[in-house]
Amino acid sequence: MTNCNERLNCGFTLIELLITLSILSILSAVALPFVETTVIRTKELEMRSALREVRSAIDVFHDDWLAGRIAKTNLKASDDGFPKSLQVLVEGVEKNDAKGGLKYYLRRIPRDPFAKADVAAVESWAVRGYQDDPESTIWGGDDVYDIRSKSDRTALDGTFLKDW
């Protein structure tokens, strides 16, 4: 017979370790898909926010052009009143008033969270011009009417990210 003190010094048995390892394996196998889904959902929320931010900036730019707050002859605006590039929204355009100065529409161009890490923020988006066909994947280069993701991934709701 063994003494209790000797038993306490022996440590865990092999069976106890295997049972503990099995329980931890099952818990991690169940938790991993939830973590992956949470990461994807977070990226989707970032993308929705980025799309909303840039599209709102494009709309405000166009509204300013229509209202005359940007000169119709401004070289940074197309003939249809949209910015000629995404960079124009960051660089700003001259105001059409007595005070002058620049009006900025974005602090920075948000990055598509599903784009590769080595791609610049401005290059991470597919751009569509006002005169471009809605289904076209090639930008005409005249102006920026809309943006979308270049990713071919399917979102958690079953839609394609590029269709957002």
C-alpha atoms as a PDB file:
ATOM      1  CA  MET A   1       0.000   0.000   0.000  1.00  0.00           C
ATOM      2  CA  THR A   2       1.122   3.492  -0.733  1.00  0.00           C
ATOM      3  CA  ASN A   3       1.055   6.369   1.657  1.00  0.00           C
ATOM      4  CA  CYS A   4      -1.107   9.431   0.725  1.00  0.00           C
ATOM      5  CA  ASN A   5       1.951  11.652   0.755  1.00  0.00           C
ATOM      6  CA  GLU A   6       3.692   9.340  -1.668  1.00  0.00           C
ATOM      7  CA  ARG A   7       0.566   9.309  -3.876  1.00  0.00           C
ATOM      8  CA  LEU A   8       0.456  13.128  -3.989  1.00  0.00           C
ATOM      9  CA  ASN A   9       4.054  13.298  -5.121  1.00  0.00           C
ATOM     10  CA  CYS A  10       3.458  10.908  -7.985  1.00  0.00           C
ATOM     11  CA  GLY A  11       1.575  13.481 -10.157  1.00  0.00           C
ATOM     12  CA  PHE A  12      -1.192  12.795 -12.669  1.00  0.00           C
ATOM     13  CA  THR A  13      -1.782   9.395 -14.157  1.00  0.00           C
ATOM     14  CA  LEU A  14      -1.610   8.806 -17.879  1.00  0.00           C
ATOM     15  CA  ILE A  15      -5.388   8.289 -18.028  1.00  0.00           C
ATOM     16  CA  GLU A  16      -6.050  11.646 -16.334  1.00  0.00           C
ATOM     17  CA  LEU A  17      -3.764  13.425 -18.801  1.00  0.00           C
ATOM     18  CA  LEU A  18      -5.411  11.728 -21.797  1.00  0.00           C
ATOM     19  CA  ILE A  19      -8.909  12.622 -20.593  1.00  0.00           C
ATOM     20  CA  THR A  20      -7.881  16.254 -20.041  1.00  0.00           C
ATOM     21  CA  LEU A  21      -6.248  16.397 -23.460  1.00  0.00           C
ATOM     22  CA  SER A  22      -9.381  14.926 -25.069  1.00  0.00           C
ATOM     23  CA  ILE A  23     -11.646  17.485 -23.411  1.00  0.00           C
ATOM     24  CA  LEU A  24      -9.397  20.386 -24.485  1.00  0.00           C
ATOM     25  CA  SER A  25      -9.265  19.046 -28.050  1.00  0.00           C
ATOM     26  CA  ILE A  26     -13.041  18.833 -28.275  1.00  0.00           C
ATOM     27  CA  LEU A  27     -13.469  22.355 -26.873  1.00  0.00           C
ATOM     28  CA  SER A  28     -10.949  23.850 -29.290  1.00  0.00           C
ATOM     29  CA  ALA A  29     -12.478  21.979 -32.247  1.00  0.00           C
ATOM     30  CA  VAL A  30     -15.858  23.475 -31.372  1.00  0.00           C
ATOM     31  CA  ALA A  31     -14.503  26.995 -30.722  1.00  0.00           C
ATOM     32  CA  LEU A  32     -12.303  27.337 -33.836  1.00  0.00           C
ATOM     33  CA  PRO A  33     -15.140  27.729 -36.383  1.00  0.00           C
ATOM     34  CA  PHE A  34     -16.725  30.406 -34.195  1.00  0.00           C
ATOM     35  CA  VAL A  35     -13.455  32.330 -34.070  1.00  0.00           C
ATOM     36  CA  GLU A  36     -12.992  32.070 -37.854  1.00  0.00           C
ATOM     37  CA  THR A  37     -16.555  33.265 -38.436  1.00  0.00           C
ATOM     38  CA  THR A  38     -16.008  36.189 -36.075  1.00  0.00           C
ATOM     39  CA  VAL A  39     -12.865  37.247 -37.958  1.00  0.00           C
ATOM     40  CA  ILE A  40     -14.692  37.113 -41.308  1.00  0.00           C
ATOM     41  CA  ARG A  41     -17.691  38.991 -39.889  1.00  0.00           C
ATOM     42  CA  THR A  42     -15.361  41.718 -38.578  1.00  0.00           C
ATOM     43  CA  LYS A  43     -13.740  42.077 -42.011  1.00  0.00           C
ATOM     44  CA  GLU A  44     -17.175  42.286 -43.629  1.00  0.00           C
ATOM     45  CA  LEU A  45     -18.193  45.061 -41.224  1.00  0.00           C
ATOM     46  CA  GLU A  46     -14.957  46.930 -42.008  1.00  0.00           C
ATOM     47  CA  MET A  47     -15.664  46.580 -45.720  1.00  0.00           C
ATOM     48  CA  ARG A  48     -19.252  47.828 -45.388  1.00  0.00           C
ATOM     49  CA  SER A  49     -17.992  50.810 -43.429  1.00  0.00           C
ATOM     50  CA  ALA A  50     -15.257  51.567 -45.991  1.00  0.00           C
ATOM     51  CA  LEU A  51     -17.705  51.314 -48.902  1.00  0.00           C
ATOM     52  CA  ARG A  52     -20.158  53.606 -47.120  1.00  0.00           C
ATOM     53  CA  GLU A  53     -17.407  56.128 -46.317  1.00  0.00           C
ATOM     54  CA  VAL A  54     -16.059  56.347 -49.881  1.00  0.00           C
ATOM     55  CA  ARG A  55     -19.479  56.311 -51.532  1.00  0.00           C
ATOM     56  CA  SER A  56     -20.661  59.095 -49.217  1.00  0.00           C
ATOM     57  CA  ALA A  57     -17.565  61.149 -50.082  1.00  0.00           C
ATOM     58  CA  ILE A  58     -18.239  60.660 -53.811  1.00  0.00           C
ATOM     59  CA  ASP A  59     -21.873  61.740 -53.313  1.00  0.00           C
ATOM     60  CA  VAL A  60     -20.878  64.869 -51.358  1.00  0.00           C
ATOM     61  CA  PHE A  61     -18.294  65.727 -54.035  1.00  0.00           C
ATOM     62  CA  HIS A  62     -20.961  65.397 -56.740  1.00  0.00           C
ATOM     63  CA  ASP A  63     -23.483  67.441 -54.711  1.00  0.00           C
ATOM     64  CA  ASP A  64     -20.876  70.194 -54.221  1.00  0.00           C
ATOM     65  CA  TRP A  65     -20.194  70.204 -57.960  1.00  0.00           C
ATOM     66  CA  LEU A  66     -23.913  70.438 -58.780  1.00  0.00           C
ATOM     67  CA  ALA A  67     -24.420  73.241 -56.221  1.00  0.00           C
ATOM     68  CA  GLY A  68     -21.463  75.203 -57.589  1.00  0.00           C
ATOM     69  CA  ARG A  69     -19.310  74.870 -54.473  1.00  0.00           C
ATOM     70  CA  ILE A  70     -16.724  73.336 -56.815  1.00  0.00           C
ATOM     71  CA  ALA A  71     -16.053  75.139 -60.080  1.00  0.00           C
ATOM     72  CA  LYS A  72     -17.508  73.337 -63.092  1.00  0.00           C
ATOM     73  CA  THR A  73     -14.147  73.890 -64.795  1.00  0.00           C
ATOM     74  CA  ASN A  74     -12.147  72.268 -61.973  1.00  0.00           C
ATOM     75  CA  LEU A  75      -9.601  69.873 -63.477  1.00  0.00           C
ATOM     76  CA  LYS A  76     -10.089  67.371 -60.645  1.00  0.00           C
ATOM     77  CA  ALA A  77     -13.760  66.885 -61.548  1.00  0.00           C
ATOM     78  CA  SER A  78     -15.068  65.166 -64.653  1.00  0.00           C
ATOM     79  CA  ASP A  79     -17.622  66.706 -67.005  1.00  0.00           C
ATOM     80  CA  ASP A  80     -20.286  64.727 -65.107  1.00  0.00           C
ATOM     81  CA  GLY A  81     -19.216  66.174 -61.749  1.00  0.00           C
ATOM     82  CA  PHE A  82     -17.477  63.181 -60.224  1.00  0.00           C
ATOM     83  CA  PRO A  83     -13.874  63.031 -58.961  1.00  0.00           C
ATOM     84  CA  LYS A  84     -11.368  61.921 -61.591  1.00  0.00           C
ATOM     85  CA  SER A  85      -9.701  59.528 -59.131  1.00  0.00           C
ATOM     86  CA  LEU A  86     -10.038  58.325 -55.560  1.00  0.00           C
ATOM     87  CA  GLN A  87      -6.930  60.311 -54.691  1.00  0.00           C
ATOM     88  CA  VAL A  88      -8.789  63.570 -55.472  1.00  0.00           C
ATOM     89  CA  LEU A  89     -11.035  62.917 -52.467  1.00  0.00           C
ATOM     90  CA  VAL A  90      -7.949  62.890 -50.219  1.00  0.00           C
ATOM     91  CA  GLU A  91      -5.985  65.700 -51.898  1.00  0.00           C
ATOM     92  CA  GLY A  92      -8.989  68.025 -51.881  1.00  0.00           C
ATOM     93  CA  VAL A  93     -10.337  70.475 -54.455  1.00  0.00           C
ATOM     94  CA  GLU A  94     -10.431  74.266 -54.520  1.00  0.00           C
ATOM     95  CA  LYS A  95     -13.616  75.798 -53.192  1.00  0.00           C
ATOM     96  CA  ASN A  96     -15.584  78.051 -55.499  1.00  0.00           C
ATOM     97  CA  ASP A  97     -16.060  80.925 -53.060  1.00  0.00           C
ATOM     98  CA  ALA A  98     -14.366  84.166 -52.030  1.00  0.00           C
ATOM     99  CA  LYS A  99     -12.380  82.528 -49.226  1.00  0.00           C
ATOM    100  CA  GLY A 100     -10.941  79.881 -51.517  1.00  0.00           C
ATOM    101  CA  GLY A 101      -8.951  77.091 -49.927  1.00  0.00           C
ATOM    102  CA  LEU A 102      -9.311  73.372 -50.321  1.00  0.00           C
ATOM    103  CA  LYS A 103     -12.182  71.100 -49.393  1.00  0.00           C
ATOM    104  CA  TYR A 104     -11.225  67.572 -48.398  1.00  0.00           C
ATOM    105  CA  TYR A 105     -13.645  64.669 -48.643  1.00  0.00           C
ATOM    106  CA  LEU A 106     -11.594  61.852 -47.089  1.00  0.00           C
ATOM    107  CA  ARG A 107      -8.667  61.807 -44.683  1.00  0.00           C
ATOM    108  CA  ARG A 108      -7.383  58.642 -46.282  1.00  0.00           C
ATOM    109  CA  ILE A 109      -8.597  56.020 -48.687  1.00  0.00           C
ATOM    110  CA  PRO A 110      -9.777  53.041 -46.660  1.00  0.00           C
ATOM    111  CA  ARG A 111      -8.334  49.683 -47.610  1.00  0.00           C
ATOM    112  CA  ASP A 112     -10.388  46.699 -48.713  1.00  0.00           C
ATOM    113  CA  PRO A 113      -9.927  44.274 -45.786  1.00  0.00           C
ATOM    114  CA  PHE A 114     -10.148  41.293 -48.151  1.00  0.00           C
ATOM    115  CA  ALA A 115      -7.372  42.542 -50.456  1.00  0.00           C
ATOM    116  CA  LYS A 116      -3.864  41.139 -50.257  1.00  0.00           C
ATOM    117  CA  ALA A 117      -1.642  42.825 -47.667  1.00  0.00           C
ATOM    118  CA  ASP A 118       0.886  44.077 -50.233  1.00  0.00           C
ATOM    119  CA  VAL A 119      -1.745  45.955 -52.291  1.00  0.00           C
ATOM    120  CA  ALA A 120      -2.038  49.722 -51.739  1.00  0.00           C
ATOM    121  CA  ALA A 121      -5.364  51.025 -50.421  1.00  0.00           C
ATOM    122  CA  VAL A 122      -6.191  52.900 -53.625  1.00  0.00           C
ATOM    123  CA  GLU A 123      -5.457  49.776 -55.701  1.00  0.00           C
ATOM    124  CA  SER A 124      -7.501  47.463 -53.474  1.00  0.00           C
ATOM    125  CA  TRP A 125     -10.823  48.641 -54.943  1.00  0.00           C
ATOM    126  CA  ALA A 126     -12.414  48.093 -58.342  1.00  0.00           C
ATOM    127  CA  VAL A 127     -13.552  51.474 -59.688  1.00  0.00           C
ATOM    128  CA  ARG A 128     -16.494  52.227 -61.980  1.00  0.00           C
ATOM    129  CA  GLY A 129     -16.964  55.481 -63.861  1.00  0.00           C
ATOM    130  CA  TYR A 130     -20.227  57.282 -64.520  1.00  0.00           C
ATOM    131  CA  GLN A 131     -20.158  56.411 -68.230  1.00  0.00           C
ATOM    132  CA  ASP A 132     -19.017  52.787 -67.638  1.00  0.00           C
ATOM    133  CA  ASP A 133     -21.372  49.859 -68.063  1.00  0.00           C
ATOM    134  CA  PRO A 134     -22.630  48.681 -64.632  1.00  0.00           C
ATOM    135  CA  GLU A 135     -21.515  45.104 -65.343  1.00  0.00           C
ATOM    136  CA  SER A 136     -18.107  46.125 -66.682  1.00  0.00           C
ATOM    137  CA  THR A 137     -15.012  44.985 -64.820  1.00  0.00           C
ATOM    138  CA  ILE A 138     -12.793  47.503 -66.623  1.00  0.00           C
ATOM    139  CA  TRP A 139     -12.650  51.131 -65.479  1.00  0.00           C
ATOM    140  CA  GLY A 140     -12.927  53.696 -68.276  1.00  0.00           C
ATOM    141  CA  GLY A 141     -10.613  56.080 -66.398  1.00  0.00           C
ATOM    142  CA  ASP A 142     -12.775  59.208 -66.795  1.00  0.00           C
ATOM    143  CA  ASP A 143     -14.071  59.538 -63.248  1.00  0.00           C
ATOM    144  CA  VAL A 144     -15.019  57.632 -60.085  1.00  0.00           C
ATOM    145  CA  TYR A 145     -18.746  56.995 -59.784  1.00  0.00           C
ATOM    146  CA  ASP A 146     -18.635  53.901 -57.565  1.00  0.00           C
ATOM    147  CA  ILE A 147     -16.240  51.390 -56.019  1.00  0.00           C
ATOM    148  CA  ARG A 148     -16.501  47.723 -55.118  1.00  0.00           C
ATOM    149  CA  SER A 149     -14.315  44.948 -53.809  1.00  0.00           C
ATOM    150  CA  LYS A 150     -12.094  43.010 -56.189  1.00  0.00           C
ATOM    151  CA  SER A 151     -12.508  39.895 -54.039  1.00  0.00           C
ATOM    152  CA  ASP A 152     -14.258  36.823 -55.446  1.00  0.00           C
ATOM    153  CA  ARG A 153     -15.124  35.594 -51.948  1.00  0.00           C
ATOM    154  CA  THR A 154     -18.632  34.809 -50.815  1.00  0.00           C
ATOM    155  CA  ALA A 155     -19.884  36.689 -47.764  1.00  0.00           C
ATOM    156  CA  LEU A 156     -21.413  34.980 -44.754  1.00  0.00           C
ATOM    157  CA  ASP A 157     -24.891  35.905 -46.041  1.00  0.00           C
ATOM    158  CA  GLY A 158     -24.219  34.070 -49.330  1.00  0.00           C
ATOM    159  CA  THR A 159     -23.706  37.132 -51.548  1.00  0.00           C
ATOM    160  CA  PHE A 160     -20.505  37.944 -53.400  1.00  0.00           C
ATOM    161  CA  LEU A 161     -18.385  40.697 -51.848  1.00  0.00           C
ATOM    162  CA  LYS A 162     -17.870  42.292 -55.258  1.00  0.00           C
ATOM    163  CA  ASP A 163     -21.664  42.787 -55.542  1.00  0.00           C
ATOM    164  CA  TRP A 164     -21.927  44.930 -52.393  1.00  0.00           C
END
